[in-house]
Structure formats: C-alpha cells, structure tokens
Amino acid sequence: PFNYKEFSESLDKHGKSAYKYQLIGPYSFYKMNLINGFSFEESLNLLTEYFSTLLKFLAQKHQVLFILDEPFLPEASSLQIQSIIDLVNQLESISQVSSGIHCCGKIKPGQFKYFSNHLLNIDMSLYDIGELTEYNFKFPGTSVQLEREIINSICKSSEYISPSCGLALNNVKEINQYFNHLESLSKFS
C-alpha cells in the first residue's frame, strides 16, 4: 500500500476516479512496533508526514476516502485518541480528503464521545442494541453518504458491501450467527 504512485497509475489504467484507501493508524502502528522501541509520538510523527505526502499526491487526481485502521484503539488513552483525531483533522485540512477511523476492536463506553463529529467505522457485531443506545452512538450520515458515493463510483454496476471484520470466522454456523446479529442491529439504525 505504500507504493502509492503505482496504485494511482493502476486506478487511472482501470478508469477509477474515486476510492477508499485504508492504512494502519498511528496507535496500532505504535502497538505493533513496541519491540522496535517506537514511542506513540514517534509513530504519530512518522505517519503524519507520510500520510500528508500520500494524500496530497492522491487527491490531485482522485476522490479519496482515507481511513486510519486502528484495531488497538480501545487500549489508547484519551490523549492518544485526541492525537489521532487531530491527525484526521490535519489530513483533511491539508489535502481536502475526507478521512476517518476504522476500529474492529470493541470501543469502550467513554471513548465514543471523542468521535461525535468524526467518521468512525466500527464492527457492529461486537455490540448489542442496548449498548449502542446507552453509548448514544450516532450513525454519521454525511460520512456514510460520501463512502457510498465513492463506492458506487468504483463499482458502477453493482452494490458494494464492505463486510465487518467479524466475517473472518471459522465456519458457516458462526457466519450465520454473525449475520443474524447484524440483522437485529439493522433495526436500530
């Protein structure tokens, strides 16, 4: 994913003008590189510089929805979460690219408040309706609409569904249970 010039050329070759680009976020990068001695601040600075360059380049020719992949986000401190949100704001300001955060881990109740004005994509299968109501989770319509527009632009002839991380299951029974749970949650939204 770091060879963005080749990625951009491939999009041009296939006539694609819009896409979703998802890369590891600073907190998860930090967690995965603890053994190498990276601090969160070093990870944040490194990725901020890289992502800024990447998005400026990609936004010149394409409509982009950029997502930070943060599976370890539930372990982050409030200061680290705020730093990630500041990064999202900075990237949007610099590149005019819509950006957000994806977390396939179960976000703690007190963490939802940090994302009230930002695109947060979560694995809905991890929550029940009561939790989503209790946490006052809101579905960000404008961000969802933008993602749908990008995906419709990419897949002109068919509906595109981006499955939750929960679909990486072992057997058909688990997958059916997963879909049944998501179907019950659909009544909430």
N, C-alpha and C. Protein backbone atom coordinates (compact mmCIF):
# COMPACT_ATOMS: atom_id res chain seq x y z
N PRO A 1 0.80 -1.21 0.00
CA PRO A 1 0.00 0.00 0.00
C PRO A 1 0.84 1.27 0.00
N PHE A 2 2.13 1.14 0.33
CA PHE A 2 2.95 2.34 0.38
C PHE A 2 3.46 2.76 -0.99
N ASN A 3 3.25 1.94 -2.01
CA ASN A 3 3.66 2.33 -3.36
C ASN A 3 2.51 3.06 -4.05
N TYR A 4 2.21 4.25 -3.56
CA TYR A 4 1.01 4.96 -3.99
C TYR A 4 1.08 5.46 -5.42
N LYS A 5 2.26 5.67 -5.97
CA LYS A 5 2.34 6.09 -7.37
C LYS A 5 1.84 4.97 -8.27
N GLU A 6 2.27 3.74 -7.97
CA GLU A 6 1.81 2.59 -8.75
C GLU A 6 0.31 2.37 -8.54
N PHE A 7 -0.17 2.59 -7.31
CA PHE A 7 -1.59 2.46 -7.02
C PHE A 7 -2.40 3.46 -7.83
N SER A 8 -1.94 4.71 -7.86
CA SER A 8 -2.63 5.75 -8.61
C SER A 8 -2.63 5.43 -10.11
N GLU A 9 -1.51 4.94 -10.62
CA GLU A 9 -1.42 4.58 -12.03
C GLU A 9 -2.39 3.44 -12.36
N SER A 10 -2.51 2.48 -11.44
CA SER A 10 -3.45 1.38 -11.64
C SER A 10 -4.89 1.87 -11.69
N LEU A 11 -5.23 2.82 -10.82
CA LEU A 11 -6.58 3.40 -10.85
C LEU A 11 -6.85 4.09 -12.18
N ASP A 12 -5.86 4.85 -12.65
CA ASP A 12 -6.01 5.52 -13.94
C ASP A 12 -6.19 4.50 -15.06
N LYS A 13 -5.40 3.46 -15.03
CA LYS A 13 -5.45 2.42 -16.07
C LYS A 13 -6.83 1.77 -16.14
N HIS A 14 -7.47 1.61 -14.96
CA HIS A 14 -8.78 0.97 -14.91
C HIS A 14 -9.93 1.97 -14.90
N GLY A 15 -9.61 3.24 -15.09
CA GLY A 15 -10.65 4.26 -15.19
C GLY A 15 -11.35 4.58 -13.88
N LYS A 16 -10.68 4.38 -12.76
CA LYS A 16 -11.29 4.65 -11.45
C LYS A 16 -10.89 6.06 -11.00
N SER A 17 -11.90 6.84 -10.59
CA SER A 17 -11.61 8.21 -10.14
C SER A 17 -11.82 8.39 -8.64
N ALA A 18 -12.43 7.39 -7.99
CA ALA A 18 -12.72 7.52 -6.56
C ALA A 18 -12.48 6.17 -5.87
N TYR A 19 -12.00 6.25 -4.65
CA TYR A 19 -11.75 5.01 -3.93
C TYR A 19 -11.57 5.28 -2.44
N LYS A 20 -11.59 4.20 -1.70
CA LYS A 20 -11.33 4.23 -0.26
C LYS A 20 -9.93 3.67 -0.05
N TYR A 21 -9.12 4.39 0.69
CA TYR A 21 -7.73 3.99 0.95
C TYR A 21 -7.59 3.85 2.46
N GLN A 22 -7.23 2.67 2.93
CA GLN A 22 -7.17 2.40 4.36
C GLN A 22 -5.78 1.90 4.73
N LEU A 23 -5.14 2.59 5.68
CA LEU A 23 -3.81 2.21 6.15
C LEU A 23 -3.77 2.21 7.67
N ILE A 24 -2.80 1.52 8.22
CA ILE A 24 -2.65 1.42 9.66
C ILE A 24 -2.51 2.81 10.29
N GLY A 25 -3.21 3.01 11.41
CA GLY A 25 -3.15 4.28 12.12
C GLY A 25 -1.98 4.32 13.09
N PRO A 26 -1.70 5.49 13.65
CA PRO A 26 -0.52 5.67 14.49
C PRO A 26 -0.52 4.85 15.78
N TYR A 27 -1.68 4.67 16.40
CA TYR A 27 -1.68 3.92 17.66
C TYR A 27 -1.42 2.44 17.40
N SER A 28 -2.05 1.88 16.40
CA SER A 28 -1.83 0.47 16.08
C SER A 28 -0.42 0.24 15.55
N PHE A 29 0.10 1.20 14.79
CA PHE A 29 1.50 1.12 14.32
C PHE A 29 2.44 1.10 15.53
N TYR A 30 2.16 1.96 16.48
CA TYR A 30 2.95 2.01 17.72
C TYR A 30 2.88 0.67 18.46
N LYS A 31 1.66 0.13 18.63
CA LYS A 31 1.50 -1.14 19.36
C LYS A 31 2.22 -2.29 18.66
N MET A 32 2.22 -2.27 17.34
CA MET A 32 2.86 -3.35 16.59
C MET A 32 4.38 -3.20 16.56
N ASN A 33 4.88 -2.03 16.90
CA ASN A 33 6.32 -1.79 16.84
C ASN A 33 6.94 -1.55 18.21
N LEU A 34 6.26 -1.92 19.27
CA LEU A 34 6.82 -1.76 20.61
C LEU A 34 8.17 -2.43 20.74
N ILE A 35 8.30 -3.59 20.13
CA ILE A 35 9.55 -4.34 20.21
C ILE A 35 10.72 -3.56 19.59
N ASN A 36 10.41 -2.69 18.65
CA ASN A 36 11.44 -1.88 17.98
C ASN A 36 11.72 -0.58 18.72
N GLY A 37 11.03 -0.35 19.84
CA GLY A 37 11.29 0.83 20.64
C GLY A 37 10.62 2.10 20.18
N PHE A 38 9.66 2.03 19.26
CA PHE A 38 8.94 3.21 18.82
C PHE A 38 8.04 3.73 19.94
N SER A 39 8.03 5.02 20.13
CA SER A 39 7.05 5.61 21.04
C SER A 39 5.81 5.97 20.23
N PHE A 40 4.71 6.24 20.91
CA PHE A 40 3.50 6.66 20.20
C PHE A 40 3.78 7.96 19.44
N GLU A 41 4.47 8.89 20.06
CA GLU A 41 4.76 10.18 19.41
C GLU A 41 5.59 10.00 18.15
N GLU A 42 6.58 9.08 18.20
CA GLU A 42 7.39 8.82 17.01
C GLU A 42 6.53 8.21 15.90
N SER A 43 5.67 7.29 16.26
CA SER A 43 4.77 6.68 15.28
C SER A 43 3.84 7.73 14.67
N LEU A 44 3.29 8.57 15.52
CA LEU A 44 2.39 9.64 15.07
C LEU A 44 3.11 10.58 14.11
N ASN A 45 4.30 11.02 14.47
CA ASN A 45 5.05 11.95 13.62
C ASN A 45 5.43 11.31 12.29
N LEU A 46 5.88 10.07 12.32
CA LEU A 46 6.27 9.37 11.11
C LEU A 46 5.08 9.23 10.15
N LEU A 47 3.95 8.77 10.68
CA LEU A 47 2.79 8.55 9.82
C LEU A 47 2.13 9.86 9.39
N THR A 48 2.18 10.87 10.23
CA THR A 48 1.62 12.18 9.83
C THR A 48 2.34 12.70 8.60
N GLU A 49 3.65 12.62 8.62
CA GLU A 49 4.44 13.09 7.48
C GLU A 49 4.14 12.25 6.23
N TYR A 50 4.11 10.94 6.40
CA TYR A 50 3.86 10.07 5.27
C TYR A 50 2.45 10.26 4.71
N PHE A 51 1.45 10.26 5.59
CA PHE A 51 0.07 10.38 5.13
C PHE A 51 -0.18 11.72 4.46
N SER A 52 0.42 12.78 4.98
CA SER A 52 0.26 14.11 4.37
C SER A 52 0.75 14.10 2.93
N THR A 53 1.93 13.53 2.72
CA THR A 53 2.50 13.43 1.38
C THR A 53 1.64 12.56 0.48
N LEU A 54 1.24 11.43 1.00
CA LEU A 54 0.41 10.48 0.25
C LEU A 54 -0.89 11.13 -0.21
N LEU A 55 -1.62 11.75 0.71
CA LEU A 55 -2.94 12.29 0.38
C LEU A 55 -2.85 13.50 -0.54
N LYS A 56 -1.84 14.32 -0.38
CA LYS A 56 -1.66 15.44 -1.32
C LYS A 56 -1.48 14.91 -2.73
N PHE A 57 -0.70 13.85 -2.86
CA PHE A 57 -0.46 13.25 -4.17
C PHE A 57 -1.74 12.63 -4.73
N LEU A 58 -2.41 11.80 -3.94
CA LEU A 58 -3.59 11.09 -4.43
C LEU A 58 -4.75 12.02 -4.73
N ALA A 59 -4.90 13.07 -3.94
CA ALA A 59 -6.03 13.99 -4.10
C ALA A 59 -5.92 14.85 -5.35
N GLN A 60 -4.75 14.88 -5.97
CA GLN A 60 -4.58 15.67 -7.18
C GLN A 60 -5.45 15.15 -8.32
N LYS A 61 -5.67 13.82 -8.35
CA LYS A 61 -6.36 13.22 -9.49
C LYS A 61 -7.59 12.39 -9.12
N HIS A 62 -7.81 12.13 -7.82
CA HIS A 62 -8.84 11.18 -7.44
C HIS A 62 -9.66 11.70 -6.26
N GLN A 63 -10.88 11.22 -6.15
CA GLN A 63 -11.70 11.45 -4.97
C GLN A 63 -11.36 10.32 -3.99
N VAL A 64 -10.93 10.69 -2.79
CA VAL A 64 -10.41 9.71 -1.85
C VAL A 64 -11.18 9.77 -0.54
N LEU A 65 -11.48 8.61 0.00
CA LEU A 65 -11.93 8.48 1.38
C LEU A 65 -10.80 7.76 2.09
N PHE A 66 -10.11 8.43 2.99
CA PHE A 66 -8.94 7.86 3.66
C PHE A 66 -9.32 7.43 5.07
N ILE A 67 -8.98 6.19 5.40
CA ILE A 67 -9.34 5.62 6.70
C ILE A 67 -8.09 5.15 7.43
N LEU A 68 -7.98 5.57 8.69
CA LEU A 68 -6.93 5.04 9.56
C LEU A 68 -7.45 3.76 10.19
N ASP A 69 -6.73 2.68 10.03
CA ASP A 69 -7.12 1.40 10.60
C ASP A 69 -6.51 1.30 12.00
N GLU A 70 -7.36 1.29 13.01
CA GLU A 70 -6.92 1.32 14.41
C GLU A 70 -7.54 0.19 15.23
N PRO A 71 -7.12 -1.07 14.98
CA PRO A 71 -7.71 -2.18 15.74
C PRO A 71 -7.40 -2.14 17.24
N PHE A 72 -6.32 -1.48 17.62
CA PHE A 72 -5.95 -1.41 19.04
C PHE A 72 -6.50 -0.17 19.74
N LEU A 73 -7.32 0.61 19.06
CA LEU A 73 -7.84 1.86 19.60
C LEU A 73 -8.46 1.75 21.00
N PRO A 74 -9.17 0.66 21.33
CA PRO A 74 -9.76 0.58 22.67
C PRO A 74 -8.73 0.65 23.80
N GLU A 75 -7.47 0.37 23.50
CA GLU A 75 -6.42 0.41 24.51
C GLU A 75 -5.80 1.80 24.65
N ALA A 76 -6.12 2.70 23.75
CA ALA A 76 -5.48 4.02 23.72
C ALA A 76 -5.99 4.91 24.85
N SER A 77 -5.12 5.80 25.29
CA SER A 77 -5.52 6.79 26.30
C SER A 77 -6.32 7.90 25.64
N SER A 78 -6.97 8.71 26.43
CA SER A 78 -7.76 9.82 25.87
C SER A 78 -6.85 10.79 25.13
N LEU A 79 -5.65 11.01 25.62
CA LEU A 79 -4.69 11.90 24.94
C LEU A 79 -4.28 11.32 23.59
N GLN A 80 -4.06 10.02 23.54
CA GLN A 80 -3.69 9.38 22.27
C GLN A 80 -4.86 9.43 21.28
N ILE A 81 -6.06 9.19 21.76
CA ILE A 81 -7.24 9.28 20.89
C ILE A 81 -7.37 10.70 20.34
N GLN A 82 -7.18 11.70 21.19
CA GLN A 82 -7.28 13.08 20.72
C GLN A 82 -6.20 13.37 19.67
N SER A 83 -5.01 12.80 19.86
CA SER A 83 -3.93 12.98 18.87
C SER A 83 -4.31 12.37 17.53
N ILE A 84 -4.98 11.23 17.56
CA ILE A 84 -5.42 10.58 16.32
C ILE A 84 -6.49 11.44 15.64
N ILE A 85 -7.42 11.96 16.41
CA ILE A 85 -8.46 12.83 15.84
C ILE A 85 -7.83 14.11 15.28
N ASP A 86 -6.84 14.65 15.98
CA ASP A 86 -6.12 15.82 15.47
C ASP A 86 -5.45 15.50 14.14
N LEU A 87 -4.90 14.29 14.03
CA LEU A 87 -4.29 13.86 12.77
C LEU A 87 -5.33 13.81 11.65
N VAL A 88 -6.49 13.23 11.94
CA VAL A 88 -7.57 13.18 10.94
C VAL A 88 -7.92 14.60 10.49
N ASN A 89 -8.10 15.51 11.44
CA ASN A 89 -8.43 16.91 11.11
C ASN A 89 -7.32 17.55 10.27
N GLN A 90 -6.08 17.30 10.64
CA GLN A 90 -4.95 17.87 9.91
C GLN A 90 -4.90 17.33 8.48
N LEU A 91 -5.10 16.04 8.33
CA LEU A 91 -5.06 15.45 6.99
C LEU A 91 -6.18 16.00 6.11
N GLU A 92 -7.38 16.17 6.69
CA GLU A 92 -8.48 16.73 5.91
C GLU A 92 -8.18 18.18 5.51
N SER A 93 -7.59 18.93 6.41
CA SER A 93 -7.28 20.33 6.14
C SER A 93 -6.20 20.48 5.07
N ILE A 94 -5.16 19.69 5.17
CA ILE A 94 -4.04 19.78 4.24
C ILE A 94 -4.41 19.31 2.84
N SER A 95 -5.13 18.19 2.77
CA SER A 95 -5.33 17.53 1.48
C SER A 95 -6.74 17.66 0.92
N GLN A 96 -7.70 18.17 1.74
CA GLN A 96 -9.10 18.23 1.33
C GLN A 96 -9.66 16.83 1.03
N VAL A 97 -9.13 15.82 1.72
CA VAL A 97 -9.57 14.44 1.58
C VAL A 97 -10.38 14.07 2.81
N SER A 98 -11.57 13.52 2.61
CA SER A 98 -12.38 13.06 3.74
C SER A 98 -11.67 11.89 4.40
N SER A 99 -11.57 11.95 5.73
CA SER A 99 -10.82 10.94 6.47
C SER A 99 -11.61 10.48 7.68
N GLY A 100 -11.30 9.27 8.14
CA GLY A 100 -11.96 8.73 9.31
C GLY A 100 -11.14 7.63 9.94
N ILE A 101 -11.76 6.92 10.86
CA ILE A 101 -11.07 5.89 11.63
C ILE A 101 -11.92 4.62 11.60
N HIS A 102 -11.25 3.49 11.38
CA HIS A 102 -11.91 2.18 11.48
C HIS A 102 -11.34 1.45 12.68
N CYS A 103 -12.21 0.87 13.49
CA CYS A 103 -11.77 0.08 14.64
C CYS A 103 -12.58 -1.21 14.69
N CYS A 104 -11.88 -2.35 14.58
CA CYS A 104 -12.58 -3.63 14.68
C CYS A 104 -12.51 -4.18 16.10
N GLY A 105 -11.92 -3.41 17.02
CA GLY A 105 -11.97 -3.77 18.43
C GLY A 105 -13.18 -3.12 19.07
N LYS A 106 -13.56 -3.59 20.23
CA LYS A 106 -14.74 -3.03 20.90
C LYS A 106 -14.35 -1.77 21.68
N ILE A 107 -14.84 -0.65 21.21
CA ILE A 107 -14.55 0.64 21.83
C ILE A 107 -15.24 0.73 23.18
N LYS A 108 -14.53 1.28 24.13
CA LYS A 108 -15.07 1.41 25.49
C LYS A 108 -16.12 2.51 25.52
N PRO A 109 -17.10 2.38 26.44
CA PRO A 109 -18.20 3.35 26.51
C PRO A 109 -17.73 4.81 26.54
N GLY A 110 -16.75 5.14 27.33
CA GLY A 110 -16.30 6.52 27.45
C GLY A 110 -15.56 7.04 26.23
N GLN A 111 -15.19 6.17 25.30
CA GLN A 111 -14.42 6.61 24.13
C GLN A 111 -15.31 7.12 23.00
N PHE A 112 -16.57 6.74 22.97
CA PHE A 112 -17.44 7.18 21.87
C PHE A 112 -17.54 8.70 21.79
N LYS A 113 -17.49 9.37 22.93
CA LYS A 113 -17.68 10.82 22.94
C LYS A 113 -16.62 11.56 22.12
N TYR A 114 -15.45 10.97 21.96
CA TYR A 114 -14.38 11.63 21.21
C TYR A 114 -14.68 11.70 19.71
N PHE A 115 -15.57 10.85 19.24
CA PHE A 115 -15.80 10.73 17.80
C PHE A 115 -17.11 11.34 17.34
N SER A 116 -17.71 12.18 18.15
CA SER A 116 -19.05 12.69 17.84
C SER A 116 -19.11 13.43 16.51
N ASN A 117 -18.03 14.06 16.08
CA ASN A 117 -18.05 14.82 14.83
C ASN A 117 -17.13 14.22 13.77
N HIS A 118 -16.81 12.94 13.92
CA HIS A 118 -15.86 12.32 13.01
C HIS A 118 -16.39 10.99 12.52
N LEU A 119 -15.93 10.59 11.34
CA LEU A 119 -16.29 9.30 10.79
C LEU A 119 -15.60 8.22 11.62
N LEU A 120 -16.38 7.37 12.23
CA LEU A 120 -15.88 6.23 12.99
C LEU A 120 -16.60 5.00 12.48
N ASN A 121 -15.84 4.09 11.91
CA ASN A 121 -16.40 2.84 11.41
C ASN A 121 -16.07 1.76 12.43
N ILE A 122 -17.11 1.13 12.99
CA ILE A 122 -16.91 0.09 14.00
C ILE A 122 -17.51 -1.22 13.51
N ASP A 123 -17.08 -2.30 14.11
CA ASP A 123 -17.66 -3.61 13.83
C ASP A 123 -18.92 -3.74 14.67
N MET A 124 -20.06 -3.52 14.04
CA MET A 124 -21.34 -3.51 14.76
C MET A 124 -21.64 -4.84 15.44
N SER A 125 -21.01 -5.92 14.98
CA SER A 125 -21.31 -7.23 15.55
C SER A 125 -20.82 -7.36 17.00
N LEU A 126 -19.97 -6.46 17.43
CA LEU A 126 -19.42 -6.52 18.79
C LEU A 126 -20.35 -5.92 19.83
N TYR A 127 -21.41 -5.25 19.39
CA TYR A 127 -22.29 -4.52 20.29
C TYR A 127 -23.71 -5.06 20.19
N ASP A 128 -24.46 -4.87 21.25
CA ASP A 128 -25.89 -5.16 21.15
C ASP A 128 -26.63 -3.83 21.12
N ILE A 129 -27.89 -3.87 20.80
CA ILE A 129 -28.68 -2.64 20.65
C ILE A 129 -28.65 -1.80 21.93
N GLY A 130 -28.73 -2.46 23.07
CA GLY A 130 -28.70 -1.74 24.35
C GLY A 130 -27.43 -0.94 24.53
N GLU A 131 -26.29 -1.52 24.15
CA GLU A 131 -25.02 -0.79 24.27
C GLU A 131 -24.99 0.43 23.35
N LEU A 132 -25.43 0.26 22.13
CA LEU A 132 -25.40 1.38 21.19
C LEU A 132 -26.32 2.50 21.65
N THR A 133 -27.45 2.15 22.22
CA THR A 133 -28.37 3.15 22.77
C THR A 133 -27.74 3.84 23.98
N GLU A 134 -27.16 3.02 24.87
CA GLU A 134 -26.54 3.56 26.08
C GLU A 134 -25.39 4.50 25.77
N TYR A 135 -24.60 4.16 24.74
CA TYR A 135 -23.44 4.98 24.39
C TYR A 135 -23.83 6.15 23.52
N ASN A 136 -25.12 6.24 23.18
CA ASN A 136 -25.63 7.31 22.33
C ASN A 136 -24.87 7.35 21.00
N PHE A 137 -24.61 6.17 20.46
CA PHE A 137 -23.88 6.07 19.20
C PHE A 137 -24.74 6.60 18.08
N LYS A 138 -24.16 7.48 17.28
CA LYS A 138 -24.87 8.07 16.15
C LYS A 138 -24.21 7.59 14.86
N PHE A 139 -25.03 7.37 13.86
CA PHE A 139 -24.51 6.98 12.57
C PHE A 139 -24.26 8.25 11.75
N PRO A 140 -23.00 8.51 11.39
CA PRO A 140 -22.66 9.76 10.72
C PRO A 140 -23.12 9.77 9.26
N GLY A 141 -24.30 10.31 9.01
CA GLY A 141 -24.91 10.25 7.69
C GLY A 141 -24.08 10.83 6.58
N THR A 142 -23.50 12.00 6.76
CA THR A 142 -22.77 12.60 5.66
C THR A 142 -21.54 11.79 5.31
N SER A 143 -20.85 11.23 6.29
CA SER A 143 -19.67 10.42 6.01
C SER A 143 -20.07 9.11 5.35
N VAL A 144 -21.15 8.51 5.81
CA VAL A 144 -21.63 7.28 5.20
C VAL A 144 -22.07 7.56 3.77
N GLN A 145 -22.72 8.68 3.55
CA GLN A 145 -23.15 9.04 2.21
C GLN A 145 -21.94 9.22 1.30
N LEU A 146 -20.89 9.85 1.79
CA LEU A 146 -19.68 10.05 0.99
C LEU A 146 -19.06 8.71 0.64
N GLU A 147 -18.98 7.81 1.64
CA GLU A 147 -18.40 6.49 1.35
C GLU A 147 -19.25 5.76 0.32
N ARG A 148 -20.56 5.84 0.44
CA ARG A 148 -21.44 5.18 -0.53
C ARG A 148 -21.22 5.77 -1.93
N GLU A 149 -21.07 7.10 -2.03
CA GLU A 149 -20.85 7.72 -3.34
C GLU A 149 -19.54 7.25 -3.95
N ILE A 150 -18.50 7.16 -3.12
CA ILE A 150 -17.20 6.70 -3.62
C ILE A 150 -17.31 5.26 -4.07
N ILE A 151 -17.92 4.43 -3.25
CA ILE A 151 -18.03 3.02 -3.59
C ILE A 151 -18.91 2.83 -4.82
N ASN A 152 -19.98 3.60 -4.94
CA ASN A 152 -20.82 3.50 -6.14
C ASN A 152 -20.06 3.93 -7.37
N SER A 153 -19.18 4.91 -7.22
CA SER A 153 -18.37 5.36 -8.33
C SER A 153 -17.38 4.28 -8.75
N ILE A 154 -16.85 3.56 -7.75
CA ILE A 154 -15.89 2.50 -8.05
C ILE A 154 -16.60 1.32 -8.70
N CYS A 155 -17.73 0.95 -8.18
CA CYS A 155 -18.48 -0.24 -8.64
C CYS A 155 -19.76 0.24 -9.30
N LYS A 156 -19.66 0.77 -10.49
CA LYS A 156 -20.79 1.40 -11.15
C LYS A 156 -21.98 0.47 -11.36
N SER A 157 -21.73 -0.81 -11.60
CA SER A 157 -22.83 -1.68 -11.98
C SER A 157 -23.40 -2.51 -10.84
N SER A 158 -22.81 -2.45 -9.67
CA SER A 158 -23.33 -3.28 -8.59
C SER A 158 -23.15 -2.59 -7.24
N GLU A 159 -23.94 -3.03 -6.29
CA GLU A 159 -23.82 -2.53 -4.92
C GLU A 159 -22.59 -3.15 -4.29
N TYR A 160 -21.84 -2.37 -3.60
CA TYR A 160 -20.63 -2.85 -2.96
C TYR A 160 -20.84 -2.87 -1.45
N ILE A 161 -20.55 -3.97 -0.82
CA ILE A 161 -20.68 -4.07 0.63
C ILE A 161 -19.31 -4.37 1.21
N SER A 162 -18.90 -3.58 2.15
CA SER A 162 -17.64 -3.80 2.84
C SER A 162 -17.96 -4.51 4.15
N PRO A 163 -17.71 -5.82 4.23
CA PRO A 163 -18.11 -6.56 5.43
C PRO A 163 -17.29 -6.17 6.64
N SER A 164 -17.90 -6.34 7.79
CA SER A 164 -17.20 -6.09 9.05
C SER A 164 -16.08 -7.11 9.22
N CYS A 165 -15.16 -6.79 10.09
CA CYS A 165 -14.05 -7.70 10.38
C CYS A 165 -14.56 -9.02 10.93
N GLY A 166 -15.73 -9.03 11.51
CA GLY A 166 -16.29 -10.22 12.12
C GLY A 166 -16.55 -11.35 11.14
N LEU A 167 -16.43 -11.09 9.83
CA LEU A 167 -16.67 -12.15 8.87
C LEU A 167 -15.46 -13.07 8.70
N ALA A 168 -14.40 -12.82 9.38
CA ALA A 168 -13.24 -13.71 9.35
C ALA A 168 -13.46 -14.82 10.38
N LEU A 169 -14.51 -15.59 10.15
CA LEU A 169 -14.90 -16.63 11.09
C LEU A 169 -14.56 -18.01 10.53
N ASN A 170 -14.70 -19.03 11.38
CA ASN A 170 -14.22 -20.36 11.02
C ASN A 170 -15.23 -21.25 10.29
N ASN A 171 -16.51 -21.06 10.52
CA ASN A 171 -17.46 -21.98 9.91
C ASN A 171 -18.77 -21.28 9.58
N VAL A 172 -19.58 -21.98 8.80
CA VAL A 172 -20.84 -21.42 8.32
C VAL A 172 -21.78 -21.07 9.47
N LYS A 173 -21.80 -21.88 10.50
CA LYS A 173 -22.68 -21.61 11.64
C LYS A 173 -22.34 -20.26 12.28
N GLU A 174 -21.03 -20.00 12.49
CA GLU A 174 -20.63 -18.72 13.08
C GLU A 174 -21.00 -17.55 12.17
N ILE A 175 -20.82 -17.73 10.87
CA ILE A 175 -21.14 -16.67 9.91
C ILE A 175 -22.64 -16.38 9.94
N ASN A 176 -23.47 -17.43 9.99
CA ASN A 176 -24.92 -17.23 10.06
C ASN A 176 -25.32 -16.52 11.36
N GLN A 177 -24.69 -16.88 12.48
CA GLN A 177 -24.97 -16.20 13.75
C GLN A 177 -24.58 -14.72 13.66
N TYR A 178 -23.48 -14.47 13.02
CA TYR A 178 -22.99 -13.10 12.83
C TYR A 178 -24.01 -12.29 12.03
N PHE A 179 -24.47 -12.83 10.90
CA PHE A 179 -25.44 -12.12 10.07
C PHE A 179 -26.76 -11.92 10.80
N ASN A 180 -27.19 -12.91 11.57
CA ASN A 180 -28.43 -12.76 12.35
C ASN A 180 -28.30 -11.61 13.35
N HIS A 181 -27.14 -11.50 13.99
CA HIS A 181 -26.92 -10.42 14.94
C HIS A 181 -26.93 -9.06 14.21
N LEU A 182 -26.25 -8.98 13.08
CA LEU A 182 -26.23 -7.73 12.31
C LEU A 182 -27.63 -7.35 11.84
N GLU A 183 -28.42 -8.35 11.45
CA GLU A 183 -29.79 -8.09 11.02
C GLU A 183 -30.62 -7.49 12.17
N SER A 184 -30.41 -8.00 13.38
CA SER A 184 -31.15 -7.44 14.53
C SER A 184 -30.70 -6.00 14.81
N LEU A 185 -29.43 -5.71 14.59
CA LEU A 185 -28.92 -4.35 14.79
C LEU A 185 -29.42 -3.39 13.73
N SER A 186 -29.72 -3.90 12.54
CA SER A 186 -30.16 -3.02 11.45
C SER A 186 -31.46 -2.30 11.82
N LYS A 187 -32.23 -2.88 12.69
CA LYS A 187 -33.47 -2.23 13.14
C LYS A 187 -33.17 -1.00 13.98
N PHE A 188 -31.97 -0.97 14.60
CA PHE A 188 -31.56 0.15 15.43
C PHE A 188 -31.25 1.38 14.57
N SER A 189 -30.59 1.14 13.45
CA SER A 189 -30.17 2.26 12.61
C SER A 189 -31.31 2.75 11.77
